[in-house]
Amino acid sequence: MTRDESILTDLLGGDRSTVELATATGLSERVCRYGLHRLKGEDYVWSPERGRYRLTHRGRVIAAEITPDAGPPEASGTPPEASATEQLRRRLFGRSRK
């Protein structure tokens, strides 16, 4: 699992700080911060307050695809179709999911 995938799947459990993410994913805090910065730029993660991070709807859709047993995204609204989600995933992770 890549850095970004690890962060996204861990954030499915709810808001986390960089310290909590680092502990849960086994990554260093600095690597988590870099990953979170990238994920924020892609609109998969946002920060409700300084030092805490939460998935956006787009982030929940992608994280649910990475972890199929996680169930549907919690937010209201319909997720994008599979092809649109696959394009977002390919842009973020650089590979297709089989």
N, C-alpha and C. Protein backbone atom coordinates (compact mmCIF):
# COMPACT_ATOMS: atom_id res chain seq x y z
N MET A 1 0.85 -1.17 0.00
CA MET A 1 0.00 0.00 0.00
C MET A 1 0.90 1.24 0.00
N THR A 2 0.55 2.23 -0.81
CA THR A 2 1.35 3.44 -0.88
C THR A 2 1.10 4.34 0.33
N ARG A 3 1.92 5.36 0.46
CA ARG A 3 1.77 6.32 1.56
C ARG A 3 0.36 6.93 1.53
N ASP A 4 -0.05 7.41 0.37
CA ASP A 4 -1.35 8.07 0.27
C ASP A 4 -2.50 7.12 0.55
N GLU A 5 -2.40 5.90 0.06
CA GLU A 5 -3.44 4.90 0.33
C GLU A 5 -3.53 4.59 1.82
N SER A 6 -2.38 4.49 2.48
CA SER A 6 -2.37 4.22 3.93
C SER A 6 -3.05 5.35 4.70
N ILE A 7 -2.75 6.57 4.32
CA ILE A 7 -3.35 7.73 5.00
C ILE A 7 -4.85 7.76 4.77
N LEU A 8 -5.26 7.58 3.52
CA LEU A 8 -6.70 7.61 3.21
C LEU A 8 -7.47 6.53 3.96
N THR A 9 -6.95 5.31 3.96
CA THR A 9 -7.68 4.24 4.63
C THR A 9 -7.72 4.44 6.14
N ASP A 10 -6.67 5.00 6.72
CA ASP A 10 -6.70 5.26 8.16
C ASP A 10 -7.69 6.37 8.50
N LEU A 11 -7.83 7.34 7.63
CA LEU A 11 -8.78 8.44 7.88
C LEU A 11 -10.23 8.01 7.74
N LEU A 12 -10.48 6.81 7.20
CA LEU A 12 -11.86 6.31 7.17
C LEU A 12 -12.43 6.18 8.58
N GLY A 13 -11.56 5.98 9.57
CA GLY A 13 -11.99 5.85 10.95
C GLY A 13 -12.40 7.15 11.61
N GLY A 14 -12.16 8.28 10.96
CA GLY A 14 -12.52 9.58 11.52
C GLY A 14 -11.33 10.53 11.53
N ASP A 15 -11.53 11.67 12.18
CA ASP A 15 -10.48 12.69 12.26
C ASP A 15 -9.23 12.13 12.92
N ARG A 16 -8.08 12.54 12.43
CA ARG A 16 -6.81 12.11 13.01
C ARG A 16 -5.83 13.27 12.97
N SER A 17 -4.89 13.24 13.90
CA SER A 17 -3.78 14.19 13.88
C SER A 17 -2.62 13.52 13.14
N THR A 18 -1.58 14.29 12.83
CA THR A 18 -0.43 13.70 12.15
C THR A 18 0.24 12.66 13.04
N VAL A 19 0.26 12.89 14.35
CA VAL A 19 0.86 11.92 15.27
C VAL A 19 0.07 10.61 15.24
N GLU A 20 -1.25 10.70 15.29
CA GLU A 20 -2.10 9.51 15.24
C GLU A 20 -1.94 8.77 13.91
N LEU A 21 -1.87 9.52 12.81
CA LEU A 21 -1.67 8.90 11.51
C LEU A 21 -0.32 8.21 11.42
N ALA A 22 0.71 8.87 11.93
CA ALA A 22 2.05 8.28 11.89
C ALA A 22 2.08 6.97 12.68
N THR A 23 1.46 6.97 13.84
CA THR A 23 1.42 5.76 14.67
C THR A 23 0.65 4.64 13.97
N ALA A 24 -0.49 4.97 13.41
CA ALA A 24 -1.35 3.95 12.79
C ALA A 24 -0.78 3.40 11.48
N THR A 25 -0.10 4.24 10.71
CA THR A 25 0.39 3.81 9.40
C THR A 25 1.83 3.32 9.43
N GLY A 26 2.56 3.64 10.48
CA GLY A 26 3.96 3.26 10.55
C GLY A 26 4.87 4.21 9.80
N LEU A 27 4.34 5.31 9.34
CA LEU A 27 5.12 6.33 8.63
C LEU A 27 5.63 7.36 9.63
N SER A 28 6.64 8.11 9.24
CA SER A 28 7.10 9.19 10.12
C SER A 28 6.12 10.36 10.02
N GLU A 29 6.16 11.24 11.02
CA GLU A 29 5.26 12.40 11.00
C GLU A 29 5.51 13.27 9.77
N ARG A 30 6.78 13.44 9.41
CA ARG A 30 7.12 14.27 8.25
C ARG A 30 6.53 13.68 6.97
N VAL A 31 6.64 12.38 6.80
CA VAL A 31 6.09 11.72 5.62
C VAL A 31 4.57 11.87 5.61
N CYS A 32 3.94 11.75 6.76
CA CYS A 32 2.48 11.95 6.86
C CYS A 32 2.10 13.37 6.47
N ARG A 33 2.85 14.34 6.95
CA ARG A 33 2.56 15.74 6.61
C ARG A 33 2.68 15.97 5.10
N TYR A 34 3.72 15.42 4.48
CA TYR A 34 3.87 15.55 3.02
C TYR A 34 2.69 14.91 2.30
N GLY A 35 2.31 13.72 2.75
CA GLY A 35 1.18 13.03 2.14
C GLY A 35 -0.12 13.81 2.31
N LEU A 36 -0.34 14.33 3.50
CA LEU A 36 -1.56 15.11 3.77
C LEU A 36 -1.59 16.37 2.92
N HIS A 37 -0.44 17.01 2.74
CA HIS A 37 -0.37 18.21 1.91
C HIS A 37 -0.78 17.87 0.47
N ARG A 38 -0.28 16.76 -0.03
CA ARG A 38 -0.63 16.33 -1.39
C ARG A 38 -2.12 15.98 -1.48
N LEU A 39 -2.63 15.25 -0.50
CA LEU A 39 -4.04 14.86 -0.51
C LEU A 39 -4.96 16.07 -0.37
N LYS A 40 -4.55 17.08 0.39
CA LYS A 40 -5.34 18.31 0.48
C LYS A 40 -5.39 19.01 -0.87
N GLY A 41 -4.26 19.02 -1.58
CA GLY A 41 -4.22 19.63 -2.91
C GLY A 41 -5.11 18.93 -3.92
N GLU A 42 -5.32 17.64 -3.73
CA GLU A 42 -6.18 16.86 -4.62
C GLU A 42 -7.64 16.88 -4.15
N ASP A 43 -7.92 17.56 -3.04
CA ASP A 43 -9.26 17.66 -2.46
C ASP A 43 -9.79 16.31 -1.96
N TYR A 44 -8.90 15.51 -1.37
CA TYR A 44 -9.30 14.26 -0.75
C TYR A 44 -9.33 14.39 0.77
N VAL A 45 -8.64 15.37 1.30
CA VAL A 45 -8.53 15.58 2.74
C VAL A 45 -8.68 17.07 3.02
N TRP A 46 -9.26 17.40 4.16
CA TRP A 46 -9.29 18.80 4.59
C TRP A 46 -9.01 18.85 6.09
N SER A 47 -8.75 20.03 6.57
CA SER A 47 -8.39 20.20 7.97
C SER A 47 -9.43 21.06 8.68
N PRO A 48 -10.27 20.44 9.53
CA PRO A 48 -11.29 21.21 10.25
C PRO A 48 -10.67 22.14 11.29
N GLU A 49 -9.49 21.80 11.77
CA GLU A 49 -8.74 22.64 12.70
C GLU A 49 -7.27 22.32 12.55
N ARG A 50 -6.43 23.17 13.03
CA ARG A 50 -5.00 22.98 12.84
C ARG A 50 -4.54 21.63 13.44
N GLY A 51 -3.83 20.87 12.61
CA GLY A 51 -3.26 19.61 13.08
C GLY A 51 -4.19 18.41 13.06
N ARG A 52 -5.45 18.59 12.63
CA ARG A 52 -6.41 17.48 12.53
C ARG A 52 -6.88 17.40 11.08
N TYR A 53 -7.09 16.18 10.62
CA TYR A 53 -7.45 15.98 9.22
C TYR A 53 -8.65 15.07 9.10
N ARG A 54 -9.42 15.29 8.03
CA ARG A 54 -10.66 14.55 7.79
C ARG A 54 -10.79 14.34 6.28
N LEU A 55 -11.40 13.24 5.89
CA LEU A 55 -11.64 12.97 4.47
C LEU A 55 -12.77 13.84 3.93
N THR A 56 -12.62 14.28 2.69
CA THR A 56 -13.73 14.91 1.99
C THR A 56 -14.58 13.79 1.39
N HIS A 57 -15.67 14.14 0.76
CA HIS A 57 -16.50 13.11 0.12
C HIS A 57 -15.68 12.36 -0.94
N ARG A 58 -14.93 13.10 -1.76
CA ARG A 58 -14.09 12.46 -2.78
C ARG A 58 -13.09 11.52 -2.13
N GLY A 59 -12.51 11.92 -1.02
CA GLY A 59 -11.56 11.08 -0.31
C GLY A 59 -12.19 9.81 0.22
N ARG A 60 -13.43 9.92 0.72
CA ARG A 60 -14.14 8.73 1.22
C ARG A 60 -14.43 7.75 0.10
N VAL A 61 -14.78 8.27 -1.08
CA VAL A 61 -15.06 7.40 -2.23
C VAL A 61 -13.81 6.62 -2.60
N ILE A 62 -12.68 7.30 -2.69
CA ILE A 62 -11.42 6.65 -3.06
C ILE A 62 -11.00 5.67 -1.96
N ALA A 63 -11.08 6.08 -0.70
CA ALA A 63 -10.68 5.21 0.40
C ALA A 63 -11.57 3.97 0.47
N ALA A 64 -12.85 4.12 0.17
CA ALA A 64 -13.76 2.96 0.17
C ALA A 64 -13.41 2.01 -0.96
N GLU A 65 -12.90 2.52 -2.08
CA GLU A 65 -12.47 1.65 -3.17
C GLU A 65 -11.21 0.88 -2.78
N ILE A 66 -10.33 1.52 -2.04
CA ILE A 66 -9.09 0.87 -1.61
C ILE A 66 -9.42 -0.24 -0.62
N THR A 67 -10.39 0.01 0.26
CA THR A 67 -10.81 -0.95 1.27
C THR A 67 -12.26 -1.31 1.00
N PRO A 68 -12.53 -2.28 0.13
CA PRO A 68 -13.90 -2.58 -0.27
C PRO A 68 -14.83 -2.95 0.87
N ASP A 69 -14.32 -3.55 1.95
CA ASP A 69 -15.20 -3.94 3.06
C ASP A 69 -15.56 -2.77 3.96
N ALA A 70 -15.13 -1.55 3.62
CA ALA A 70 -15.41 -0.38 4.44
C ALA A 70 -16.85 0.10 4.28
N GLY A 71 -17.53 -0.33 3.23
CA GLY A 71 -18.90 0.09 3.01
C GLY A 71 -18.96 1.37 2.21
N PRO A 72 -20.17 1.89 1.98
CA PRO A 72 -20.33 3.09 1.17
C PRO A 72 -19.85 4.33 1.92
N PRO A 73 -19.55 5.41 1.18
CA PRO A 73 -19.17 6.66 1.83
C PRO A 73 -20.28 7.15 2.74
N GLU A 74 -19.92 7.82 3.83
CA GLU A 74 -20.89 8.26 4.83
C GLU A 74 -21.66 9.51 4.42
N ALA A 75 -21.08 10.36 3.61
CA ALA A 75 -21.71 11.63 3.26
C ALA A 75 -22.89 11.39 2.32
N SER A 76 -23.83 12.33 2.35
CA SER A 76 -24.97 12.21 1.46
C SER A 76 -24.54 12.55 0.04
N GLY A 77 -25.34 12.16 -0.90
CA GLY A 77 -25.00 12.39 -2.30
C GLY A 77 -24.58 11.09 -2.95
N THR A 78 -24.55 11.10 -4.25
CA THR A 78 -24.18 9.89 -4.95
C THR A 78 -22.71 9.95 -5.34
N PRO A 79 -22.00 8.85 -5.17
CA PRO A 79 -20.60 8.84 -5.56
C PRO A 79 -20.48 8.89 -7.08
N PRO A 80 -19.34 9.35 -7.60
CA PRO A 80 -19.18 9.37 -9.05
C PRO A 80 -19.19 7.96 -9.62
N GLU A 81 -19.46 7.86 -10.92
CA GLU A 81 -19.46 6.53 -11.51
C GLU A 81 -18.06 5.93 -11.44
N ALA A 82 -17.99 4.63 -11.61
CA ALA A 82 -16.73 3.91 -11.44
C ALA A 82 -15.62 4.45 -12.35
N SER A 83 -15.95 4.79 -13.59
CA SER A 83 -14.92 5.27 -14.51
C SER A 83 -14.35 6.61 -14.04
N ALA A 84 -15.19 7.49 -13.51
CA ALA A 84 -14.71 8.78 -13.00
C ALA A 84 -13.84 8.56 -11.77
N THR A 85 -14.25 7.64 -10.91
CA THR A 85 -13.45 7.34 -9.73
C THR A 85 -12.12 6.73 -10.12
N GLU A 86 -12.14 5.87 -11.11
CA GLU A 86 -10.89 5.24 -11.57
C GLU A 86 -9.93 6.29 -12.13
N GLN A 87 -10.46 7.28 -12.84
CA GLN A 87 -9.61 8.36 -13.36
C GLN A 87 -8.99 9.16 -12.22
N LEU A 88 -9.77 9.47 -11.19
CA LEU A 88 -9.24 10.18 -10.02
C LEU A 88 -8.16 9.35 -9.34
N ARG A 89 -8.41 8.08 -9.20
CA ARG A 89 -7.45 7.18 -8.55
C ARG A 89 -6.16 7.10 -9.35
N ARG A 90 -6.27 6.98 -10.67
CA ARG A 90 -5.09 6.90 -11.51
C ARG A 90 -4.27 8.19 -11.41
N ARG A 91 -4.97 9.33 -11.35
CA ARG A 91 -4.27 10.60 -11.23
C ARG A 91 -3.54 10.70 -9.89
N LEU A 92 -4.16 10.19 -8.84
CA LEU A 92 -3.55 10.26 -7.51
C LEU A 92 -2.44 9.25 -7.34
N PHE A 93 -2.68 8.00 -7.71
CA PHE A 93 -1.73 6.93 -7.43
C PHE A 93 -0.90 6.48 -8.63
N GLY A 94 -1.27 6.93 -9.83
CA GLY A 94 -0.47 6.62 -11.00
C GLY A 94 -0.60 5.21 -11.53
N ARG A 95 -1.64 4.50 -11.16
CA ARG A 95 -1.82 3.15 -11.67
C ARG A 95 -3.30 2.80 -11.61
N SER A 96 -3.67 1.80 -12.38
CA SER A 96 -5.07 1.39 -12.35
C SER A 96 -5.26 0.27 -11.34
N ARG A 97 -6.46 0.16 -10.84
CA ARG A 97 -6.79 -0.88 -9.86
C ARG A 97 -7.43 -2.04 -10.59
N LYS A 98 -6.98 -3.22 -10.33
CA LYS A 98 -7.52 -4.40 -11.03
C LYS A 98 -8.36 -5.22 -10.13
